[in-house]
Amino acid sequence: IYGGDTDSVAVEYHTVRIPLGGEFSLQLSDNTRVYLNSGSSLRYPVRFAGGVREVFLTGEGFFEVTKDSERPFIVKTEDVDVSVLGTSFNVNAYPDEKMVQTTLVSGSVDVSCPECSNSESVSLVPNEMAVFEAGRQKIEKKRVDITPYVAWHEGFLTFHDESLGSIAKKLERWYDLTFEFDQPETKE
């Protein structure tokens, strides 16, 4: 992959894949710290080059981005891009979920949908979440208690007002096991 200037250099990428039941943290070349949850992957350059720091996430990651006012940090998922200069935030973008959730801990982030016809975009402040639903092609913003969305990177799973089916799905990823429900209504 090549940059946009005339003195372009090849950018070498690595990919980290986290199996079910595991988690991993890594430090990128700009000192940004990334925590990856179970069943996630991150594609990132060995060394950031050019005017943008760009990584590609599948699954869930918590980012503590090193501030650099000259080079924005962009997390790209299948549906949305999250742009920051320096901040802490969580992105949940598992392929088997119906939505992408971006939860801001500190600083500010912009969440955009490049593929949406109206170039949907929202800005977040701490304790806000952006929710993108693929079928609706719309990003909604809401205030939240961030604890249930970010506690996993410190080794905790926290649940508030969630269905048993949703909790089971998270436990399946976290512990690499499978739940079976004899009656579908039990999931609710």
N, C-alpha and C. Protein backbone atom coordinates (compact mmCIF):
# COMPACT_ATOMS: atom_id res chain seq x y z
N ILE A 1 0.87 -1.17 0.00
CA ILE A 1 0.00 0.00 0.00
C ILE A 1 0.91 1.22 0.00
N TYR A 2 0.52 2.21 -0.76
CA TYR A 2 1.36 3.38 -0.91
C TYR A 2 0.64 4.63 -0.44
N GLY A 3 1.42 5.61 0.08
CA GLY A 3 0.86 6.88 0.53
C GLY A 3 0.51 7.76 -0.65
N GLY A 4 -0.01 8.97 -0.38
CA GLY A 4 -0.48 9.85 -1.42
C GLY A 4 0.55 10.83 -1.95
N ASP A 5 1.74 10.92 -1.35
CA ASP A 5 2.69 11.91 -1.83
C ASP A 5 3.62 11.32 -2.89
N THR A 6 4.43 12.16 -3.50
CA THR A 6 5.30 11.71 -4.58
C THR A 6 6.46 10.87 -4.09
N ASP A 7 6.83 11.00 -2.81
CA ASP A 7 7.90 10.20 -2.24
C ASP A 7 7.31 9.00 -1.49
N SER A 8 6.35 8.33 -2.11
CA SER A 8 5.63 7.25 -1.46
C SER A 8 6.57 6.11 -1.09
N VAL A 9 6.29 5.54 0.06
CA VAL A 9 7.02 4.36 0.51
C VAL A 9 6.01 3.27 0.82
N ALA A 10 6.44 2.04 0.64
CA ALA A 10 5.55 0.92 0.94
C ALA A 10 5.32 0.85 2.44
N VAL A 11 4.09 0.57 2.86
CA VAL A 11 3.74 0.43 4.26
C VAL A 11 3.48 -1.05 4.51
N GLU A 12 4.24 -1.62 5.45
CA GLU A 12 4.09 -3.03 5.78
C GLU A 12 3.07 -3.16 6.92
N TYR A 13 2.14 -4.10 6.78
CA TYR A 13 1.09 -4.30 7.78
C TYR A 13 1.26 -5.64 8.49
N HIS A 14 0.86 -5.65 9.75
CA HIS A 14 0.75 -6.88 10.54
C HIS A 14 -0.73 -7.05 10.88
N THR A 15 -1.13 -8.30 11.12
CA THR A 15 -2.47 -8.58 11.61
C THR A 15 -2.37 -9.44 12.85
N VAL A 16 -3.07 -9.04 13.90
CA VAL A 16 -3.16 -9.82 15.14
C VAL A 16 -4.57 -10.36 15.22
N ARG A 17 -4.70 -11.68 15.39
CA ARG A 17 -6.01 -12.32 15.54
C ARG A 17 -6.08 -12.96 16.92
N ILE A 18 -7.15 -12.64 17.66
CA ILE A 18 -7.33 -13.14 19.00
C ILE A 18 -8.37 -14.26 18.97
N PRO A 19 -8.02 -15.48 19.44
CA PRO A 19 -8.99 -16.57 19.42
C PRO A 19 -10.08 -16.35 20.46
N LEU A 20 -11.17 -17.10 20.31
CA LEU A 20 -12.22 -17.09 21.33
C LEU A 20 -11.59 -17.52 22.65
N GLY A 21 -12.01 -16.86 23.72
CA GLY A 21 -11.48 -17.20 25.03
C GLY A 21 -10.19 -16.48 25.36
N GLY A 22 -9.68 -15.64 24.46
CA GLY A 22 -8.43 -14.93 24.72
C GLY A 22 -8.60 -13.44 24.64
N GLU A 23 -7.57 -12.72 25.02
CA GLU A 23 -7.50 -11.27 24.82
C GLU A 23 -6.03 -10.91 24.78
N PHE A 24 -5.74 -9.71 24.28
CA PHE A 24 -4.35 -9.35 24.02
C PHE A 24 -4.23 -7.83 24.00
N SER A 25 -3.08 -7.32 24.44
CA SER A 25 -2.83 -5.89 24.31
C SER A 25 -1.52 -5.71 23.57
N LEU A 26 -1.44 -4.61 22.83
CA LEU A 26 -0.22 -4.31 22.10
C LEU A 26 -0.02 -2.82 22.04
N GLN A 27 1.22 -2.42 21.81
CA GLN A 27 1.55 -1.02 21.67
C GLN A 27 1.99 -0.78 20.24
N LEU A 28 1.37 0.20 19.58
CA LEU A 28 1.69 0.52 18.19
C LEU A 28 2.91 1.43 18.13
N SER A 29 3.42 1.65 16.92
CA SER A 29 4.66 2.41 16.75
C SER A 29 4.57 3.86 17.26
N ASP A 30 3.36 4.41 17.37
CA ASP A 30 3.20 5.78 17.88
C ASP A 30 2.93 5.80 19.39
N ASN A 31 3.09 4.65 20.05
CA ASN A 31 2.85 4.44 21.48
C ASN A 31 1.38 4.33 21.86
N THR A 32 0.48 4.28 20.88
CA THR A 32 -0.92 4.01 21.16
C THR A 32 -1.04 2.59 21.71
N ARG A 33 -1.83 2.43 22.78
CA ARG A 33 -2.07 1.11 23.37
C ARG A 33 -3.42 0.60 22.90
N VAL A 34 -3.47 -0.67 22.44
CA VAL A 34 -4.70 -1.29 21.97
C VAL A 34 -4.93 -2.58 22.74
N TYR A 35 -6.14 -2.73 23.28
CA TYR A 35 -6.56 -3.95 23.95
C TYR A 35 -7.57 -4.63 23.04
N LEU A 36 -7.32 -5.88 22.66
CA LEU A 36 -8.23 -6.60 21.77
C LEU A 36 -8.97 -7.67 22.55
N ASN A 37 -10.28 -7.72 22.34
CA ASN A 37 -11.13 -8.68 23.03
C ASN A 37 -11.14 -10.00 22.27
N SER A 38 -11.69 -11.00 22.90
CA SER A 38 -11.82 -12.34 22.34
C SER A 38 -12.49 -12.32 20.97
N GLY A 39 -11.97 -13.11 20.03
CA GLY A 39 -12.57 -13.22 18.70
C GLY A 39 -12.41 -11.98 17.84
N SER A 40 -11.37 -11.18 18.10
CA SER A 40 -11.16 -9.92 17.37
C SER A 40 -9.87 -9.98 16.56
N SER A 41 -9.73 -9.04 15.62
CA SER A 41 -8.47 -8.92 14.89
C SER A 41 -8.21 -7.45 14.59
N LEU A 42 -6.91 -7.12 14.49
CA LEU A 42 -6.48 -5.76 14.18
C LEU A 42 -5.40 -5.84 13.12
N ARG A 43 -5.59 -5.09 12.04
CA ARG A 43 -4.58 -4.94 10.99
C ARG A 43 -3.99 -3.55 11.16
N TYR A 44 -2.66 -3.48 11.28
CA TYR A 44 -2.02 -2.19 11.59
C TYR A 44 -0.65 -2.13 10.92
N PRO A 45 -0.17 -0.92 10.62
CA PRO A 45 1.15 -0.80 10.00
C PRO A 45 2.26 -1.02 11.02
N VAL A 46 3.36 -1.60 10.55
CA VAL A 46 4.52 -1.77 11.42
C VAL A 46 4.97 -0.41 11.92
N ARG A 47 4.96 0.59 11.03
CA ARG A 47 5.31 1.97 11.39
C ARG A 47 4.36 2.88 10.64
N PHE A 48 3.76 3.83 11.35
CA PHE A 48 2.86 4.78 10.70
C PHE A 48 3.66 5.71 9.81
N ALA A 49 3.17 5.93 8.59
CA ALA A 49 3.83 6.84 7.65
C ALA A 49 2.78 7.79 7.08
N GLY A 50 3.18 8.98 6.70
CA GLY A 50 2.24 9.95 6.11
C GLY A 50 1.45 10.69 7.16
N GLY A 51 0.37 11.32 6.70
CA GLY A 51 -0.40 12.23 7.55
C GLY A 51 -1.51 11.59 8.34
N VAL A 52 -1.70 10.25 8.25
CA VAL A 52 -2.80 9.59 8.93
C VAL A 52 -2.29 8.32 9.60
N ARG A 53 -2.80 8.06 10.80
CA ARG A 53 -2.52 6.79 11.48
C ARG A 53 -3.79 5.96 11.36
N GLU A 54 -3.74 4.87 10.61
CA GLU A 54 -4.94 4.12 10.26
C GLU A 54 -4.77 2.65 10.61
N VAL A 55 -5.79 2.08 11.31
CA VAL A 55 -5.82 0.66 11.64
C VAL A 55 -7.19 0.11 11.26
N PHE A 56 -7.27 -1.22 11.14
CA PHE A 56 -8.50 -1.88 10.70
C PHE A 56 -8.91 -2.91 11.75
N LEU A 57 -10.13 -2.74 12.31
CA LEU A 57 -10.60 -3.57 13.41
C LEU A 57 -11.77 -4.44 13.00
N THR A 58 -11.71 -5.72 13.41
CA THR A 58 -12.86 -6.61 13.37
C THR A 58 -13.04 -7.12 14.78
N GLY A 59 -14.23 -7.01 15.34
CA GLY A 59 -14.46 -7.43 16.71
C GLY A 59 -14.46 -6.25 17.64
N GLU A 60 -13.77 -6.37 18.80
CA GLU A 60 -13.82 -5.31 19.80
C GLU A 60 -12.42 -4.91 20.23
N GLY A 61 -12.22 -3.59 20.31
CA GLY A 61 -10.94 -3.08 20.77
C GLY A 61 -11.12 -1.85 21.63
N PHE A 62 -10.27 -1.72 22.66
CA PHE A 62 -10.22 -0.52 23.49
C PHE A 62 -8.92 0.18 23.14
N PHE A 63 -9.00 1.47 22.81
CA PHE A 63 -7.85 2.23 22.31
C PHE A 63 -7.50 3.36 23.26
N GLU A 64 -6.22 3.47 23.60
CA GLU A 64 -5.67 4.62 24.32
C GLU A 64 -4.71 5.28 23.34
N VAL A 65 -5.21 6.27 22.60
CA VAL A 65 -4.49 6.85 21.48
C VAL A 65 -3.55 7.96 21.94
N THR A 66 -2.30 7.86 21.51
CA THR A 66 -1.30 8.89 21.78
C THR A 66 -1.65 10.14 20.98
N LYS A 67 -1.67 11.28 21.65
CA LYS A 67 -2.04 12.54 21.00
C LYS A 67 -1.02 12.93 19.94
N ASP A 68 -1.52 13.31 18.78
CA ASP A 68 -0.69 13.82 17.68
C ASP A 68 -1.59 14.72 16.84
N SER A 69 -1.51 16.03 17.08
CA SER A 69 -2.41 16.98 16.40
C SER A 69 -2.14 17.07 14.91
N GLU A 70 -1.01 16.55 14.45
CA GLU A 70 -0.68 16.60 13.01
C GLU A 70 -1.22 15.39 12.26
N ARG A 71 -1.42 14.27 12.98
CA ARG A 71 -1.83 13.04 12.31
C ARG A 71 -3.01 12.40 13.04
N PRO A 72 -4.21 12.48 12.48
CA PRO A 72 -5.35 11.82 13.12
C PRO A 72 -5.18 10.31 13.15
N PHE A 73 -5.77 9.68 14.16
CA PHE A 73 -5.77 8.23 14.31
C PHE A 73 -7.15 7.76 13.88
N ILE A 74 -7.23 6.82 12.94
CA ILE A 74 -8.51 6.36 12.42
C ILE A 74 -8.64 4.85 12.60
N VAL A 75 -9.71 4.42 13.27
CA VAL A 75 -10.05 3.01 13.37
C VAL A 75 -11.12 2.74 12.33
N LYS A 76 -10.81 1.87 11.37
CA LYS A 76 -11.76 1.54 10.32
C LYS A 76 -12.38 0.18 10.63
N THR A 77 -13.71 0.13 10.60
CA THR A 77 -14.43 -1.14 10.70
C THR A 77 -15.13 -1.35 9.37
N GLU A 78 -15.85 -2.44 9.25
CA GLU A 78 -16.56 -2.70 7.99
C GLU A 78 -17.57 -1.59 7.68
N ASP A 79 -18.19 -1.01 8.71
CA ASP A 79 -19.26 -0.04 8.48
C ASP A 79 -18.92 1.41 8.83
N VAL A 80 -18.09 1.64 9.85
CA VAL A 80 -17.83 3.00 10.28
C VAL A 80 -16.33 3.26 10.44
N ASP A 81 -15.98 4.55 10.41
CA ASP A 81 -14.63 5.02 10.71
C ASP A 81 -14.71 5.86 11.98
N VAL A 82 -13.77 5.65 12.90
CA VAL A 82 -13.69 6.43 14.12
C VAL A 82 -12.40 7.24 14.06
N SER A 83 -12.51 8.58 14.07
CA SER A 83 -11.35 9.47 13.92
C SER A 83 -11.09 10.22 15.22
N VAL A 84 -9.81 10.23 15.64
CA VAL A 84 -9.42 10.91 16.88
C VAL A 84 -8.05 11.53 16.70
N LEU A 85 -7.68 12.42 17.62
CA LEU A 85 -6.32 12.95 17.67
C LEU A 85 -5.58 12.37 18.88
N GLY A 86 -6.26 12.13 19.98
CA GLY A 86 -5.69 11.53 21.17
C GLY A 86 -6.79 11.35 22.19
N THR A 87 -7.09 10.12 22.59
CA THR A 87 -8.24 9.87 23.44
C THR A 87 -8.29 8.40 23.86
N SER A 88 -9.27 8.03 24.71
CA SER A 88 -9.53 6.64 25.08
C SER A 88 -10.97 6.30 24.72
N PHE A 89 -11.15 5.19 24.02
CA PHE A 89 -12.49 4.81 23.57
C PHE A 89 -12.54 3.33 23.25
N ASN A 90 -13.75 2.80 23.15
CA ASN A 90 -13.99 1.40 22.84
C ASN A 90 -14.79 1.30 21.55
N VAL A 91 -14.44 0.35 20.69
CA VAL A 91 -15.21 0.08 19.48
C VAL A 91 -15.60 -1.39 19.50
N ASN A 92 -16.91 -1.66 19.37
CA ASN A 92 -17.43 -3.02 19.30
C ASN A 92 -18.02 -3.20 17.92
N ALA A 93 -17.33 -4.02 17.09
CA ALA A 93 -17.74 -4.21 15.69
C ALA A 93 -17.62 -5.67 15.28
N TYR A 94 -18.23 -6.55 16.08
CA TYR A 94 -18.21 -7.97 15.73
C TYR A 94 -19.10 -8.20 14.52
N PRO A 95 -18.63 -9.02 13.56
CA PRO A 95 -19.43 -9.27 12.34
C PRO A 95 -20.79 -9.90 12.61
N ASP A 96 -20.91 -10.68 13.70
CA ASP A 96 -22.19 -11.35 13.96
C ASP A 96 -23.17 -10.48 14.76
N GLU A 97 -22.79 -9.25 15.05
CA GLU A 97 -23.70 -8.32 15.72
C GLU A 97 -24.38 -7.46 14.66
N LYS A 98 -25.53 -6.89 14.99
CA LYS A 98 -26.28 -6.09 14.03
C LYS A 98 -25.89 -4.61 14.06
N MET A 99 -24.92 -4.26 14.93
CA MET A 99 -24.57 -2.85 15.07
C MET A 99 -23.10 -2.70 15.43
N VAL A 100 -22.61 -1.47 15.24
CA VAL A 100 -21.27 -1.09 15.68
C VAL A 100 -21.46 -0.04 16.77
N GLN A 101 -20.83 -0.26 17.94
CA GLN A 101 -20.93 0.67 19.06
C GLN A 101 -19.57 1.28 19.34
N THR A 102 -19.53 2.61 19.40
CA THR A 102 -18.31 3.32 19.78
C THR A 102 -18.61 4.08 21.07
N THR A 103 -17.85 3.80 22.14
CA THR A 103 -18.08 4.39 23.45
C THR A 103 -16.87 5.21 23.85
N LEU A 104 -17.09 6.48 24.19
CA LEU A 104 -15.99 7.39 24.50
C LEU A 104 -15.75 7.49 26.00
N VAL A 105 -14.49 7.28 26.40
CA VAL A 105 -14.09 7.40 27.80
C VAL A 105 -13.54 8.80 28.06
N SER A 106 -12.60 9.26 27.23
CA SER A 106 -12.02 10.59 27.42
C SER A 106 -11.68 11.20 26.07
N GLY A 107 -11.57 12.53 26.03
CA GLY A 107 -11.24 13.22 24.79
C GLY A 107 -12.47 13.41 23.93
N SER A 108 -12.29 13.29 22.61
CA SER A 108 -13.42 13.38 21.69
C SER A 108 -13.12 12.51 20.48
N VAL A 109 -14.18 12.02 19.85
CA VAL A 109 -14.05 11.22 18.63
C VAL A 109 -15.13 11.63 17.64
N ASP A 110 -14.86 11.41 16.37
CA ASP A 110 -15.85 11.56 15.31
C ASP A 110 -16.09 10.18 14.72
N VAL A 111 -17.36 9.80 14.61
CA VAL A 111 -17.73 8.51 14.04
C VAL A 111 -18.48 8.79 12.75
N SER A 112 -18.00 8.19 11.65
CA SER A 112 -18.64 8.45 10.36
C SER A 112 -18.89 7.15 9.61
N CYS A 113 -19.82 7.23 8.68
CA CYS A 113 -20.16 6.10 7.82
C CYS A 113 -19.84 6.49 6.39
N PRO A 114 -18.66 6.13 5.89
CA PRO A 114 -18.28 6.52 4.53
C PRO A 114 -19.20 5.96 3.45
N GLU A 115 -19.82 4.80 3.72
CA GLU A 115 -20.66 4.15 2.72
C GLU A 115 -22.11 4.65 2.73
N CYS A 116 -22.49 5.41 3.75
CA CYS A 116 -23.86 5.92 3.84
C CYS A 116 -24.09 6.99 2.79
N SER A 117 -25.26 7.01 2.21
CA SER A 117 -25.56 7.95 1.13
C SER A 117 -25.52 9.40 1.59
N ASN A 118 -25.82 9.66 2.86
CA ASN A 118 -25.82 11.03 3.36
C ASN A 118 -24.55 11.35 4.17
N SER A 119 -23.50 10.53 4.02
CA SER A 119 -22.24 10.73 4.74
C SER A 119 -22.49 10.97 6.23
N GLU A 120 -23.24 10.08 6.84
CA GLU A 120 -23.62 10.16 8.25
C GLU A 120 -22.38 10.32 9.13
N SER A 121 -22.44 11.24 10.12
CA SER A 121 -21.32 11.48 11.02
C SER A 121 -21.81 12.09 12.32
N VAL A 122 -21.19 11.69 13.46
CA VAL A 122 -21.50 12.30 14.75
C VAL A 122 -20.20 12.51 15.52
N SER A 123 -20.19 13.49 16.42
CA SER A 123 -19.07 13.73 17.32
C SER A 123 -19.50 13.36 18.72
N LEU A 124 -18.58 12.73 19.47
CA LEU A 124 -18.89 12.29 20.83
C LEU A 124 -18.05 13.04 21.85
N VAL A 125 -18.64 13.22 23.04
CA VAL A 125 -17.91 13.68 24.21
C VAL A 125 -17.93 12.52 25.22
N PRO A 126 -17.10 12.57 26.29
CA PRO A 126 -17.06 11.45 27.23
C PRO A 126 -18.44 11.05 27.75
N ASN A 127 -18.59 9.74 27.94
CA ASN A 127 -19.83 9.11 28.40
C ASN A 127 -20.93 9.13 27.35
N GLU A 128 -20.55 9.25 26.09
CA GLU A 128 -21.50 9.11 24.99
C GLU A 128 -21.11 7.91 24.13
N MET A 129 -22.13 7.37 23.46
CA MET A 129 -21.94 6.24 22.58
C MET A 129 -22.58 6.55 21.23
N ALA A 130 -21.89 6.15 20.16
CA ALA A 130 -22.46 6.20 18.82
C ALA A 130 -22.83 4.78 18.43
N VAL A 131 -24.07 4.59 17.96
CA VAL A 131 -24.55 3.27 17.56
C VAL A 131 -24.91 3.33 16.09
N PHE A 132 -24.26 2.47 15.30
CA PHE A 132 -24.55 2.37 13.88
C PHE A 132 -25.24 1.04 13.63
N GLU A 133 -26.44 1.09 13.04
CA GLU A 133 -27.16 -0.13 12.66
C GLU A 133 -27.09 -0.28 11.15
N ALA A 134 -26.50 -1.38 10.69
CA ALA A 134 -26.24 -1.57 9.27
C ALA A 134 -27.50 -1.45 8.41
N GLY A 135 -28.59 -2.00 8.87
CA GLY A 135 -29.82 -1.97 8.07
C GLY A 135 -30.41 -0.58 7.92
N ARG A 136 -30.13 0.32 8.89
CA ARG A 136 -30.71 1.66 8.87
C ARG A 136 -29.80 2.70 8.24
N GLN A 137 -28.49 2.37 8.11
CA GLN A 137 -27.52 3.32 7.54
C GLN A 137 -27.56 4.67 8.27
N LYS A 138 -27.67 4.60 9.61
CA LYS A 138 -27.78 5.81 10.42
C LYS A 138 -26.99 5.62 11.70
N ILE A 139 -26.34 6.70 12.16
CA ILE A 139 -25.61 6.68 13.42
C ILE A 139 -26.40 7.47 14.45
N GLU A 140 -26.68 6.84 15.59
CA GLU A 140 -27.39 7.52 16.67
C GLU A 140 -26.45 7.72 17.84
N LYS A 141 -26.60 8.84 18.54
CA LYS A 141 -25.75 9.18 19.67
C LYS A 141 -26.60 9.17 20.93
N LYS A 142 -26.02 8.62 22.04
CA LYS A 142 -26.75 8.63 23.31
C LYS A 142 -25.76 8.66 24.46
N ARG A 143 -26.23 9.19 25.62
CA ARG A 143 -25.42 9.17 26.85
C ARG A 143 -25.56 7.80 27.49
N VAL A 144 -24.45 7.28 28.02
CA VAL A 144 -24.48 5.96 28.63
C VAL A 144 -23.57 5.93 29.86
N ASP A 145 -23.81 4.93 30.71
CA ASP A 145 -22.84 4.56 31.73
C ASP A 145 -21.83 3.70 30.99
N ILE A 146 -20.60 4.17 30.87
CA ILE A 146 -19.62 3.48 30.02
C ILE A 146 -19.12 2.16 30.61
N THR A 147 -19.33 1.92 31.90
CA THR A 147 -18.76 0.76 32.58
C THR A 147 -19.03 -0.57 31.87
N PRO A 148 -20.28 -0.90 31.50
CA PRO A 148 -20.50 -2.19 30.86
C PRO A 148 -19.80 -2.34 29.50
N TYR A 149 -19.46 -1.23 28.87
CA TYR A 149 -18.89 -1.27 27.53
C TYR A 149 -17.36 -1.30 27.52
N VAL A 150 -16.74 -0.90 28.61
CA VAL A 150 -15.27 -0.82 28.62
C VAL A 150 -14.61 -1.67 29.70
N ALA A 151 -15.37 -2.25 30.64
CA ALA A 151 -14.80 -3.00 31.76
C ALA A 151 -14.04 -4.25 31.30
N TRP A 152 -14.38 -4.79 30.15
CA TRP A 152 -13.75 -6.04 29.69
C TRP A 152 -12.24 -5.91 29.59
N HIS A 153 -11.73 -4.73 29.22
CA HIS A 153 -10.28 -4.61 29.02
C HIS A 153 -9.51 -4.59 30.35
N GLU A 154 -10.26 -4.50 31.45
CA GLU A 154 -9.65 -4.61 32.77
C GLU A 154 -9.99 -5.95 33.42
N GLY A 155 -10.55 -6.88 32.62
CA GLY A 155 -10.82 -8.23 33.10
C GLY A 155 -12.18 -8.46 33.71
N PHE A 156 -13.13 -7.54 33.50
CA PHE A 156 -14.47 -7.67 34.08
C PHE A 156 -15.53 -7.70 32.98
N LEU A 157 -16.57 -8.47 33.19
CA LEU A 157 -17.76 -8.41 32.35
C LEU A 157 -18.87 -7.85 33.23
N THR A 158 -19.51 -6.78 32.77
CA THR A 158 -20.57 -6.12 33.52
C THR A 158 -21.81 -6.05 32.65
N PHE A 159 -22.96 -6.38 33.22
CA PHE A 159 -24.19 -6.39 32.45
C PHE A 159 -25.26 -5.57 33.15
N HIS A 160 -25.97 -4.74 32.40
CA HIS A 160 -27.09 -3.95 32.91
C HIS A 160 -28.23 -4.04 31.90
N ASP A 161 -29.39 -4.49 32.33
CA ASP A 161 -30.59 -4.53 31.48
C ASP A 161 -30.33 -5.21 30.14
N GLU A 162 -29.65 -6.36 30.16
CA GLU A 162 -29.41 -7.12 28.93
C GLU A 162 -30.18 -8.42 28.98
N SER A 163 -30.53 -8.91 27.81
CA SER A 163 -31.23 -10.19 27.75
C SER A 163 -30.24 -11.32 28.05
N LEU A 164 -30.77 -12.46 28.47
CA LEU A 164 -29.94 -13.62 28.74
C LEU A 164 -29.23 -14.07 27.46
N GLY A 165 -29.89 -13.91 26.31
CA GLY A 165 -29.27 -14.26 25.03
C GLY A 165 -28.04 -13.41 24.73
N SER A 166 -28.13 -12.10 25.00
CA SER A 166 -27.01 -11.19 24.79
C SER A 166 -25.86 -11.52 25.73
N ILE A 167 -26.18 -11.80 26.99
CA ILE A 167 -25.16 -12.16 27.97
C ILE A 167 -24.49 -13.47 27.56
N ALA A 168 -25.29 -14.44 27.12
CA ALA A 168 -24.73 -15.74 26.70
C ALA A 168 -23.76 -15.57 25.54
N LYS A 169 -24.09 -14.71 24.58
CA LYS A 169 -23.20 -14.48 23.43
C LYS A 169 -21.85 -13.94 23.88
N LYS A 170 -21.86 -12.99 24.84
CA LYS A 170 -20.61 -12.42 25.34
C LYS A 170 -19.80 -13.46 26.12
N LEU A 171 -20.49 -14.29 26.93
CA LEU A 171 -19.80 -15.33 27.67
C LEU A 171 -19.22 -16.39 26.73
N GLU A 172 -19.92 -16.67 25.63
CA GLU A 172 -19.41 -17.63 24.64
C GLU A 172 -18.08 -17.15 24.06
N ARG A 173 -17.99 -15.87 23.71
CA ARG A 173 -16.73 -15.32 23.18
C ARG A 173 -15.64 -15.32 24.25
N TRP A 174 -16.01 -14.87 25.45
CA TRP A 174 -15.04 -14.68 26.53
C TRP A 174 -14.42 -16.02 26.96
N TYR A 175 -15.27 -17.08 27.06
CA TYR A 175 -14.80 -18.36 27.57
C TYR A 175 -14.69 -19.45 26.50
N ASP A 176 -14.97 -19.14 25.24
CA ASP A 176 -14.94 -20.11 24.14
C ASP A 176 -15.79 -21.34 24.47
N LEU A 177 -17.07 -21.09 24.72
CA LEU A 177 -18.02 -22.16 24.98
C LEU A 177 -19.33 -21.84 24.27
N THR A 178 -20.28 -22.76 24.33
CA THR A 178 -21.55 -22.57 23.65
C THR A 178 -22.71 -22.81 24.62
N PHE A 179 -23.67 -21.90 24.60
CA PHE A 179 -24.90 -22.07 25.37
C PHE A 179 -25.99 -22.56 24.44
N GLU A 180 -26.83 -23.46 24.95
CA GLU A 180 -28.00 -23.91 24.20
C GLU A 180 -29.24 -23.61 25.05
N PHE A 181 -30.26 -23.09 24.38
CA PHE A 181 -31.52 -22.77 25.07
C PHE A 181 -32.60 -23.72 24.56
N ASP A 182 -33.23 -24.47 25.47
CA ASP A 182 -34.30 -25.38 25.07
C ASP A 182 -35.51 -24.63 24.56
N GLN A 183 -35.76 -23.46 25.15
CA GLN A 183 -36.90 -22.64 24.74
C GLN A 183 -36.40 -21.27 24.32
N PRO A 184 -36.68 -20.83 23.07
CA PRO A 184 -36.18 -19.56 22.58
C PRO A 184 -36.56 -18.36 23.44
N GLU A 185 -37.73 -18.41 24.08
CA GLU A 185 -38.15 -17.27 24.89
C GLU A 185 -37.25 -17.08 26.12
N THR A 186 -36.52 -18.10 26.51
CA THR A 186 -35.59 -17.98 27.64
C THR A 186 -34.49 -16.97 27.34
N LYS A 187 -34.13 -16.83 26.07
CA LYS A 187 -33.10 -15.86 25.69
C LYS A 187 -33.51 -14.43 26.04
N GLU A 188 -34.81 -14.17 26.03
CA GLU A 188 -35.29 -12.82 26.29
C GLU A 188 -35.50 -12.56 27.77
